[in-house]
Each structure stands twice: as C-alpha cells, then as structure tokens.
Amino acid sequence: MSSQNKSVPFAGTKEQETALLDVIASLKGEEGCLMPILQKAQEIYGYLPVEVQTIISNELDIPLEKVYGVVTFYSQFSLYPKGKYKISVCLGTACYVKGSGDIYNELMDKLGITSGECTPDGRFSLEACRCIGACGLAPVMTVNDDVYGRLTIDDIDEILAKYK
C-alpha cells in the first residue's frame, strides 16, 4: 500500500455498517455467500477497505486472509476509494502508440497518485484501462462519462481545471 492511500482515512458511517450487517445476516449460511456479500459491501461503501473486510470476516467467522484473497483476486473489487471524478486513460494499442502512456504519466505527476489511487481530497482517482472502442480518437481518456480524445500532454491542465 502506498503512502498516498494511507492518507485517505476510512470514513464509514453507522448507517453503512448497519446496511452491511443486514446484508450479511440475509446471506450468511448460503453456499458461496462471500462473493455477493463483497459485491453488496462495495455498493454500500464504494470500495472494500480492511475495516469492511474485517466486519465480513468476523460476521462470517472466516479468516481475514480469505476475504482479502478474494478481494484482491477479482478486478471488480477495489481496496481504495474512488474519487468524485474517475479518470481512466486508455492504454490499448492504438492509444498507447499515439502517446497515452505519456498522458498517463503526466496525470500521475500532476495528481500525485498512481493507478488505483485517489487524491487525498477525494476529488480524483486514476486508473488505466484497455480499449474503450474510441480508437479513431486515440489517445483517449475519460473523466466519469466525459470522453476526451486526440489528447496531448498540453491538454491535461485545461481538462483537470474543469473538475476543480
């Protein structure tokens, strides 16, 4: 875990915990209940920090290591919070050849985070993705549902400013 992720404190509410405990109670004892519980937990919290994994481990009476192993195995789960604005840079072949790697590196430098991380203020999270089907606009990045194409490094400051 990087120091950046450690600076985003867990901020779960009592309502979220109650919702999670209700989900666990309704599914506990069913064969294969861990996956649906983790999915619901991520819906409730937006990610699966160790605090949430510990609740699940304790309530299901299974080792925390097992819960963590499932969370880290499946890409649908996130250990870290997502920002209000989720930035995704396509690193598929067409985009990469046209410079998306440089754009991704520039975003990491400007935001002070790496892939999968969230800025301490909770505003931005960054991830790399594979082809999003906009190869004609390469290189491409998205900010939530907004698509930006034919990017250069010089476009980054202007795009980020729209979300500040």
Protein backbone atom coordinates (compact mmCIF):
# COMPACT_ATOMS: atom_id res chain seq x y z
CA MET A 1 0.00 0.00 0.00
CA SER A 2 1.45 3.37 -0.92
CA SER A 3 1.66 6.29 1.46
CA GLN A 4 -0.90 8.14 -0.65
CA ASN A 5 -3.57 5.52 0.01
CA LYS A 6 -2.81 5.60 3.71
CA SER A 7 -3.64 9.34 3.75
CA VAL A 8 -7.26 8.69 2.79
CA PRO A 9 -8.86 7.70 6.09
CA PHE A 10 -11.75 5.26 6.33
CA ALA A 11 -14.96 7.24 6.78
CA GLY A 12 -17.65 4.60 7.10
CA THR A 13 -20.92 5.62 8.75
CA LYS A 14 -23.09 3.76 11.26
CA GLU A 15 -25.79 3.55 8.55
CA GLN A 16 -23.36 1.86 6.17
CA GLU A 17 -22.31 -0.61 8.84
CA THR A 18 -25.94 -1.41 9.65
CA ALA A 19 -26.67 -1.95 5.94
CA LEU A 20 -23.66 -4.27 5.66
CA LEU A 21 -24.66 -6.27 8.74
CA ASP A 22 -28.18 -6.64 7.30
CA VAL A 23 -26.75 -7.96 4.01
CA ILE A 24 -24.50 -10.41 5.85
CA ALA A 25 -27.38 -11.62 8.04
CA SER A 26 -29.59 -12.21 4.99
CA LEU A 27 -26.94 -14.21 3.08
CA LYS A 28 -24.99 -15.87 5.89
CA GLY A 29 -25.14 -19.64 5.71
CA GLU A 30 -25.82 -19.76 1.96
CA GLU A 31 -23.28 -21.65 -0.15
CA GLY A 32 -20.89 -19.18 -1.80
CA CYS A 33 -22.21 -16.17 0.12
CA LEU A 34 -18.86 -14.36 0.28
CA MET A 35 -18.94 -13.01 -3.29
CA PRO A 36 -22.44 -11.49 -3.12
CA ILE A 37 -21.66 -10.04 0.31
CA LEU A 38 -18.47 -8.43 -1.02
CA GLN A 39 -20.37 -7.07 -4.03
CA LYS A 40 -23.05 -5.54 -1.79
CA ALA A 41 -20.39 -4.21 0.59
CA GLN A 42 -18.68 -2.43 -2.29
CA GLU A 43 -22.03 -0.94 -3.35
CA ILE A 44 -22.53 0.32 0.20
CA TYR A 45 -19.03 1.75 0.76
CA GLY A 46 -17.74 2.28 -2.79
CA TYR A 47 -14.67 0.17 -2.01
CA LEU A 48 -13.51 -2.57 0.38
CA PRO A 49 -11.04 -1.24 2.94
CA VAL A 50 -9.63 -3.55 5.62
CA GLU A 51 -12.19 -2.25 8.11
CA VAL A 52 -15.05 -3.55 5.93
CA GLN A 53 -13.23 -6.81 5.20
CA THR A 54 -12.76 -7.29 8.96
CA ILE A 55 -16.50 -6.91 9.63
CA ILE A 56 -17.22 -9.51 6.94
CA SER A 57 -14.52 -11.84 8.28
CA ASN A 58 -15.84 -11.59 11.83
CA GLU A 59 -19.50 -11.99 10.91
CA LEU A 60 -18.89 -15.00 8.63
CA ASP A 61 -16.29 -16.47 11.00
CA ILE A 62 -13.76 -16.89 8.20
CA PRO A 63 -10.13 -15.73 8.20
CA LEU A 64 -9.47 -12.16 7.09
CA GLU A 65 -6.81 -13.58 4.75
CA LYS A 66 -9.51 -15.47 2.84
CA VAL A 67 -11.63 -12.33 2.44
CA TYR A 68 -8.56 -10.32 1.35
CA GLY A 69 -7.57 -13.06 -1.11
CA VAL A 70 -10.96 -12.89 -2.84
CA VAL A 71 -10.97 -9.07 -2.86
CA THR A 72 -7.52 -8.87 -4.44
CA PHE A 73 -8.15 -11.69 -6.92
CA TYR A 74 -11.18 -10.15 -8.65
CA SER A 75 -10.70 -6.89 -10.53
CA GLN A 76 -14.28 -5.80 -9.81
CA PHE A 77 -13.26 -5.07 -6.22
CA SER A 78 -11.28 -2.05 -5.09
CA LEU A 79 -9.23 -1.67 -1.91
CA TYR A 80 -9.19 2.10 -2.31
CA PRO A 81 -11.85 4.77 -2.54
CA LYS A 82 -12.72 6.22 -5.92
CA GLY A 83 -12.62 9.95 -6.43
CA LYS A 84 -15.58 12.14 -7.26
CA TYR A 85 -14.02 12.27 -10.72
CA LYS A 86 -12.77 8.91 -12.00
CA ILE A 87 -10.07 9.41 -14.61
CA SER A 88 -9.38 6.45 -16.87
CA VAL A 89 -6.65 6.53 -19.51
CA CYS A 90 -6.81 4.01 -22.34
CA LEU A 91 -3.56 2.12 -22.69
CA GLY A 92 -4.83 -0.09 -25.50
CA THR A 93 -2.60 -0.48 -28.54
CA ALA A 94 -3.95 2.38 -30.68
CA CYS A 95 -3.92 4.85 -27.79
CA TYR A 96 -0.56 3.71 -26.47
CA VAL A 97 1.10 4.05 -29.87
CA LYS A 98 -0.24 7.61 -30.07
CA GLY A 99 1.12 8.62 -26.66
CA SER A 100 -1.38 7.65 -23.95
CA GLY A 101 1.47 6.36 -21.77
CA ASP A 102 2.90 9.88 -21.63
CA ILE A 103 -0.53 11.29 -20.78
CA TYR A 104 -0.95 8.71 -18.03
CA ASN A 105 2.48 9.56 -16.59
CA GLU A 106 1.67 13.28 -16.72
CA LEU A 107 -1.59 12.70 -14.81
CA MET A 108 0.27 10.67 -12.16
CA ASP A 109 2.75 13.55 -11.75
CA LYS A 110 0.10 16.28 -11.65
CA LEU A 111 -2.25 14.44 -9.30
CA GLY A 112 0.49 12.89 -7.14
CA ILE A 113 -1.12 9.44 -7.32
CA THR A 114 -0.63 6.18 -9.18
CA SER A 115 -3.04 3.68 -10.68
CA GLY A 116 -5.93 2.75 -8.44
CA GLU A 117 -5.30 5.59 -6.02
CA CYS A 118 -7.39 8.58 -5.01
CA THR A 119 -6.17 12.11 -4.25
CA PRO A 120 -6.28 12.90 -0.51
CA ASP A 121 -9.12 15.39 -1.06
CA GLY A 122 -11.23 12.66 -2.69
CA ARG A 123 -11.60 14.64 -5.92
CA PHE A 124 -9.74 12.45 -8.43
CA SER A 125 -8.94 8.78 -8.82
CA LEU A 126 -6.80 7.40 -11.63
CA GLU A 127 -6.74 4.11 -13.45
CA ALA A 128 -5.52 2.65 -16.68
CA CYS A 129 -7.88 0.71 -18.91
CA ARG A 130 -7.71 -1.22 -22.13
CA CYS A 131 -9.53 -0.37 -25.34
CA ILE A 132 -12.72 1.64 -24.83
CA GLY A 133 -13.67 1.47 -28.51
CA ALA A 134 -12.69 5.00 -29.47
CA CYS A 135 -9.53 4.11 -31.38
CA GLY A 136 -10.20 6.77 -34.02
CA LEU A 137 -9.82 9.41 -31.29
CA ALA A 138 -6.57 7.98 -29.88
CA PRO A 139 -5.19 8.75 -27.40
CA VAL A 140 -8.31 8.79 -25.22
CA MET A 141 -9.15 9.31 -21.58
CA THR A 142 -12.43 9.55 -19.71
CA VAL A 143 -13.43 11.56 -16.67
CA ASN A 144 -16.55 9.83 -15.37
CA ASP A 145 -18.76 9.79 -18.52
CA ASP A 146 -16.88 12.56 -20.39
CA VAL A 147 -14.62 11.33 -23.20
CA TYR A 148 -11.53 13.28 -24.29
CA GLY A 149 -9.76 12.29 -27.48
CA ARG A 150 -6.77 13.22 -29.63
CA LEU A 151 -5.06 14.28 -26.43
CA THR A 152 -1.67 15.80 -25.90
CA ILE A 153 0.11 16.45 -22.61
CA ASP A 154 -0.69 20.14 -23.10
CA ASP A 155 -4.44 19.35 -22.77
CA ILE A 156 -4.18 17.91 -19.26
CA ASP A 157 -4.20 21.15 -17.21
CA GLU A 158 -7.25 22.51 -19.04
CA ILE A 159 -9.18 19.25 -18.62
CA LEU A 160 -8.36 18.96 -14.89
CA ALA A 161 -9.35 22.61 -14.35
CA LYS A 162 -12.91 21.78 -15.47
CA TYR A 163 -13.29 19.50 -12.45
CA LYS A 164 -11.67 21.64 -9.74
